[in-house]
Amino acid sequence: MKLSPVSRIQSLSLPLVFFSVLSCATAAFAAHPLITDDAGTMGTGKSQLELTGEYGHDKEDGFTTKTRQGDACFTYGLSDAVDLVLDLPYLHVKTSDDTTSRIENGFSDTSLAVKWRFYEHDGLSLAIKPGVTLPTGDDQEGLGAGKATYRLFFVTSKEMDPWAFHLNLGYIRNENTLDEEKNIWHASIASTVALTENLTAVANLGVESNPDKLVGTDPAFVLAGLIYTLSEDLALDCGIKYGLNNSETDRTVLAGVTWKF
């Protein structure tokens, strides 16, 4: 039986929205616009607020998906080596073809994580970051998983002034009500280089298991961007991310502001 245009859009858009939620849960904790996190921590009693936005454009099989995502990420230093991270994303996704369209719009699942840097010597830092995603988004609209999800990431960083390199390896237990894949694996690498005292260039490459059971290709991306430090407490950033295969969003523009206090 053929699906109606609206039904086809619904079946296509829900996995796309859920993958956006999943990506947000893992990406928002990194130094924006990077997806890959670093092993650094804030320090005892210090805080950071990241306000970021993204616009993604994807076209596949005659359908166009436009994703607008806003995000607020708060980090607090429980000790010199331990951070608490709270993340609240907002999504607006429009999926359409020549005749019909569907929009999902609202807050998605809230994420909470703890990063512990357990080793630091001679520019090399190692950390682990367990986390949980709470089902605060509307899973019926594709804005959340409908269940709590769990994850554990291993993070390593190596600093060699003016360069820095970061590696993330992670596992996500993707409990959900959308019949998505429950075991998600993540691997990504990133590099930064200080161009001037205030300007840093960043690059990122990564791959993650596809939560859509019907798609065999895992989404992979490459990203490039800039971070401009206005002061010790304030920085602006921008970047662009390209999908390396059809499972990843074709292109995404990212921008954000980071305030430390």
Protein backbone atom coordinates (compact mmCIF):
# COMPACT_ATOMS: atom_id res chain seq x y z
CA MET A 1 0.00 0.00 0.00
CA LYS A 2 1.34 3.43 -0.94
CA LEU A 3 1.66 6.05 1.76
CA SER A 4 -0.04 9.40 1.28
CA PRO A 5 2.29 12.41 0.93
CA VAL A 6 1.53 13.50 4.49
CA SER A 7 2.17 10.00 5.86
CA ARG A 8 5.44 9.78 3.94
CA ILE A 9 6.53 13.10 5.43
CA GLN A 10 5.58 11.94 8.93
CA SER A 11 7.50 8.68 8.56
CA LEU A 12 10.53 10.48 7.20
CA SER A 13 10.54 13.47 9.54
CA LEU A 14 10.25 11.67 12.88
CA PRO A 15 13.59 9.82 12.59
CA LEU A 16 15.22 13.02 11.35
CA VAL A 17 13.90 15.01 14.29
CA PHE A 18 14.85 12.32 16.78
CA PHE A 19 18.35 12.14 15.36
CA SER A 20 18.57 15.91 15.74
CA VAL A 21 17.61 15.50 19.41
CA LEU A 22 20.20 12.76 19.84
CA SER A 23 22.88 14.84 18.15
CA CYS A 24 22.06 17.76 20.38
CA ALA A 25 22.38 15.64 23.49
CA THR A 26 25.89 14.63 22.62
CA ALA A 27 27.09 17.79 20.87
CA ALA A 28 25.99 20.63 23.07
CA PHE A 29 28.54 19.87 25.81
CA ALA A 30 31.53 20.51 23.55
CA ALA A 31 33.23 23.88 23.00
CA HIS A 32 30.92 25.25 20.34
CA PRO A 33 30.96 24.91 17.36
CA LEU A 34 32.81 21.61 17.89
CA ILE A 35 30.90 18.35 18.26
CA THR A 36 33.87 16.70 19.99
CA ASP A 37 34.31 17.62 23.65
CA ASP A 38 37.63 18.42 25.32
CA ALA A 39 38.85 17.05 28.64
CA GLY A 40 39.12 20.47 30.29
CA THR A 41 37.01 21.44 33.30
CA MET A 42 35.83 24.79 34.67
CA GLY A 43 37.42 24.77 38.14
CA THR A 44 35.77 24.87 41.56
CA GLY A 45 32.81 27.24 41.74
CA LYS A 46 33.21 28.58 38.20
CA SER A 47 30.34 28.61 35.71
CA GLN A 48 29.76 28.84 31.99
CA LEU A 49 26.68 29.54 29.88
CA GLU A 50 26.60 28.69 26.16
CA LEU A 51 23.79 30.03 24.00
CA THR A 52 23.94 28.50 20.53
CA GLY A 53 21.92 28.22 17.36
CA GLU A 54 21.96 26.01 14.28
CA TYR A 55 20.30 25.94 10.88
CA GLY A 56 20.38 22.65 8.98
CA HIS A 57 19.26 21.98 5.40
CA ASP A 58 18.82 18.48 4.03
CA LYS A 59 17.30 17.17 0.79
CA GLU A 60 16.67 13.49 0.05
CA ASP A 61 14.17 11.53 -2.08
CA GLY A 62 12.26 14.67 -3.02
CA PHE A 63 11.84 15.82 0.59
CA THR A 64 13.47 18.93 2.08
CA THR A 65 14.11 19.16 5.83
CA LYS A 66 14.99 22.48 7.43
CA THR A 67 16.08 22.32 11.06
CA ARG A 68 16.41 25.31 13.38
CA GLN A 69 17.85 24.52 16.78
CA GLY A 70 18.46 26.73 19.78
CA ASP A 71 20.32 25.53 22.83
CA ALA A 72 21.21 26.70 26.34
CA CYS A 73 24.00 24.78 28.07
CA PHE A 74 25.05 25.55 31.65
CA THR A 75 28.26 24.17 33.17
CA TYR A 76 29.27 24.42 36.82
CA GLY A 77 32.58 23.37 38.36
CA LEU A 78 31.91 21.10 41.33
CA SER A 79 35.67 20.78 41.88
CA ASP A 80 38.85 21.42 39.91
CA ALA A 81 38.38 18.11 38.11
CA VAL A 82 34.58 17.63 38.02
CA ASP A 83 31.94 19.56 36.04
CA LEU A 84 28.16 19.34 36.13
CA VAL A 85 26.52 20.09 32.76
CA LEU A 86 22.83 20.88 32.13
CA ASP A 87 21.53 21.23 28.58
CA LEU A 88 18.13 22.40 27.27
CA PRO A 89 17.54 22.33 23.48
CA TYR A 90 14.70 23.76 21.40
CA LEU A 91 13.84 22.46 17.93
CA HIS A 92 11.89 23.69 14.92
CA VAL A 93 11.87 21.20 12.05
CA LYS A 94 9.98 21.58 8.77
CA THR A 95 9.83 18.65 6.34
CA SER A 96 8.17 19.20 2.96
CA ASP A 97 7.86 18.16 -0.65
CA ASP A 98 6.19 19.92 -3.58
CA THR A 99 2.66 19.60 -2.17
CA THR A 100 2.70 19.02 1.58
CA SER A 101 4.68 19.92 4.69
CA ARG A 102 4.94 19.02 8.38
CA ILE A 103 6.37 21.05 11.25
CA GLU A 104 7.63 19.86 14.64
CA ASN A 105 8.31 22.65 17.09
CA GLY A 106 9.13 22.75 20.81
CA PHE A 107 11.57 21.93 23.59
CA SER A 108 13.21 18.52 23.32
CA ASP A 109 14.79 16.25 25.92
CA THR A 110 16.84 17.80 28.74
CA SER A 111 20.34 16.41 29.27
CA LEU A 112 22.40 16.17 32.44
CA ALA A 113 26.03 15.02 32.54
CA VAL A 114 29.08 14.93 34.80
CA LYS A 115 32.60 15.22 33.39
CA TRP A 116 35.47 13.93 35.52
CA ARG A 117 39.03 14.66 34.42
CA PHE A 118 40.93 11.87 36.13
CA TYR A 119 44.38 12.35 34.56
CA GLU A 120 46.42 15.38 33.54
CA HIS A 121 50.14 15.46 32.77
CA ASP A 122 52.41 17.16 30.24
CA GLY A 123 49.56 18.48 28.10
CA LEU A 124 47.65 15.18 28.06
CA SER A 125 44.25 15.03 29.77
CA LEU A 126 41.84 12.10 30.15
CA ALA A 127 38.22 12.30 31.26
CA ILE A 128 35.02 10.28 31.40
CA LYS A 129 31.58 11.81 31.00
CA PRO A 130 28.49 9.82 32.03
CA GLY A 131 25.11 11.40 31.33
CA VAL A 132 21.37 10.96 31.19
CA THR A 133 18.74 12.48 28.90
CA LEU A 134 15.36 13.08 30.54
CA PRO A 135 12.18 12.61 28.44
CA THR A 136 10.95 16.22 28.65
CA GLY A 137 10.25 16.53 24.91
CA ASP A 138 7.01 15.43 23.21
CA ASP A 139 7.84 12.03 21.71
CA GLN A 140 4.50 11.98 19.85
CA GLU A 141 5.73 14.98 17.86
CA GLY A 142 9.20 13.50 17.41
CA LEU A 143 10.75 16.01 19.84
CA GLY A 144 12.01 13.46 22.33
CA ALA A 145 12.77 9.82 22.99
CA GLY A 146 9.81 9.22 25.33
CA LYS A 147 12.15 7.46 27.76
CA ALA A 148 15.30 8.29 29.70
CA THR A 149 18.49 7.57 27.75
CA TYR A 150 21.96 6.97 29.17
CA ARG A 151 25.45 7.48 27.85
CA LEU A 152 29.13 7.20 28.73
CA PHE A 153 31.89 9.02 26.86
CA PHE A 154 35.67 8.74 27.06
CA VAL A 155 37.39 12.06 26.33
CA THR A 156 41.08 12.70 25.73
CA SER A 157 42.89 15.93 24.89
CA LYS A 158 46.49 16.72 23.96
CA GLU A 159 47.75 20.30 23.96
CA MET A 160 50.86 21.29 21.99
CA ASP A 161 50.78 25.07 21.80
CA PRO A 162 49.37 26.54 19.54
CA TRP A 163 47.63 23.23 18.66
CA ALA A 164 45.23 21.06 20.60
CA PHE A 165 43.74 17.68 19.65
CA HIS A 166 40.68 15.92 21.08
CA LEU A 167 39.22 12.41 20.78
CA ASN A 168 35.77 11.22 21.90
CA LEU A 169 34.59 7.60 22.05
CA GLY A 170 31.11 7.05 23.40
CA TYR A 171 28.17 4.71 23.91
CA ILE A 172 24.51 5.79 24.19
CA ARG A 173 21.78 3.50 25.50
CA ASN A 174 19.02 4.94 23.37
CA GLU A 175 15.83 3.86 25.12
CA ASN A 176 12.89 5.26 23.12
CA THR A 177 9.27 4.89 22.04
CA LEU A 178 9.99 5.43 18.32
CA ASP A 179 11.32 1.94 17.51
CA GLU A 180 14.80 3.38 17.02
CA GLU A 181 18.08 1.51 17.46
CA LYS A 182 18.90 1.28 21.17
CA ASN A 183 22.69 0.88 20.96
CA ILE A 184 24.41 3.97 19.57
CA TRP A 185 28.17 4.31 19.21
CA HIS A 186 30.04 7.57 18.66
CA ALA A 187 33.59 8.36 17.51
CA SER A 188 34.96 11.78 16.67
CA ILE A 189 38.20 13.76 16.54
CA ALA A 190 38.83 17.50 16.60
CA SER A 191 41.72 19.92 16.33
CA THR A 192 42.13 23.58 17.25
CA VAL A 193 44.92 26.03 16.44
CA ALA A 194 45.41 29.54 17.81
CA LEU A 195 45.79 31.88 14.82
CA THR A 196 46.17 35.00 16.95
CA GLU A 197 45.79 35.86 20.63
CA ASN A 198 42.02 36.13 20.16
CA LEU A 199 41.19 33.97 17.12
CA THR A 200 41.15 30.16 17.05
CA ALA A 201 40.40 27.91 14.06
CA VAL A 202 38.69 24.57 14.70
CA ALA A 203 38.06 21.41 12.67
CA ASN A 204 36.06 18.29 13.46
CA LEU A 205 35.38 14.85 11.96
CA GLY A 206 33.02 12.21 13.34
CA VAL A 207 30.63 9.32 12.86
CA GLU A 208 27.75 7.94 14.94
CA SER A 209 25.48 4.90 14.70
CA ASN A 210 22.26 5.58 12.81
CA PRO A 211 19.22 5.32 15.12
CA ASP A 212 17.03 4.50 12.10
CA LYS A 213 16.96 0.69 11.85
CA LEU A 214 15.97 0.84 8.16
CA VAL A 215 19.08 2.78 7.13
CA GLY A 216 22.37 0.90 7.02
CA THR A 217 24.66 3.93 6.64
CA ASP A 218 25.94 5.66 9.77
CA PRO A 219 25.88 9.50 9.64
CA ALA A 220 29.34 11.04 9.24
CA PHE A 221 30.30 14.72 9.22
CA VAL A 222 33.15 17.19 8.78
CA LEU A 223 33.10 20.61 10.41
CA ALA A 224 35.19 23.80 10.28
CA GLY A 225 34.80 26.98 12.30
CA LEU A 226 36.25 29.91 14.21
CA ILE A 227 36.18 31.03 17.86
CA TYR A 228 36.83 34.71 18.62
CA THR A 229 37.64 35.57 22.24
CA LEU A 230 36.42 39.05 23.15
CA SER A 231 37.72 38.77 26.72
CA GLU A 232 38.62 36.13 29.30
CA ASP A 233 34.91 35.71 30.02
CA LEU A 234 33.25 36.13 26.62
CA ALA A 235 33.68 34.42 23.24
CA LEU A 236 31.81 34.24 19.93
CA ASP A 237 31.91 31.32 17.51
CA CYS A 238 30.66 30.20 14.12
CA GLY A 239 31.05 27.12 11.95
CA ILE A 240 29.68 25.05 9.12
CA LYS A 241 29.13 21.30 9.15
CA TYR A 242 28.81 19.13 6.03
CA GLY A 243 27.40 15.63 5.81
CA LEU A 244 29.78 13.07 4.33
CA ASN A 245 26.92 10.74 3.33
CA ASN A 246 23.15 10.80 2.80
CA SER A 247 22.41 9.81 6.41
CA GLU A 248 23.85 13.08 7.73
CA THR A 249 22.27 16.51 7.23
CA ASP A 250 23.65 18.01 4.01
CA ARG A 251 24.86 21.22 5.63
CA THR A 252 24.44 22.99 8.96
CA VAL A 253 25.41 26.54 9.91
CA LEU A 254 26.31 27.05 13.60
CA ALA A 255 26.81 30.15 15.77
CA GLY A 256 27.06 30.80 19.47
CA VAL A 257 28.18 32.91 22.40
CA THR A 258 29.96 31.64 25.54
CA TRP A 259 29.98 33.52 28.84
CA LYS A 260 32.15 32.42 31.77
CA PHE A 261 31.49 33.72 35.27
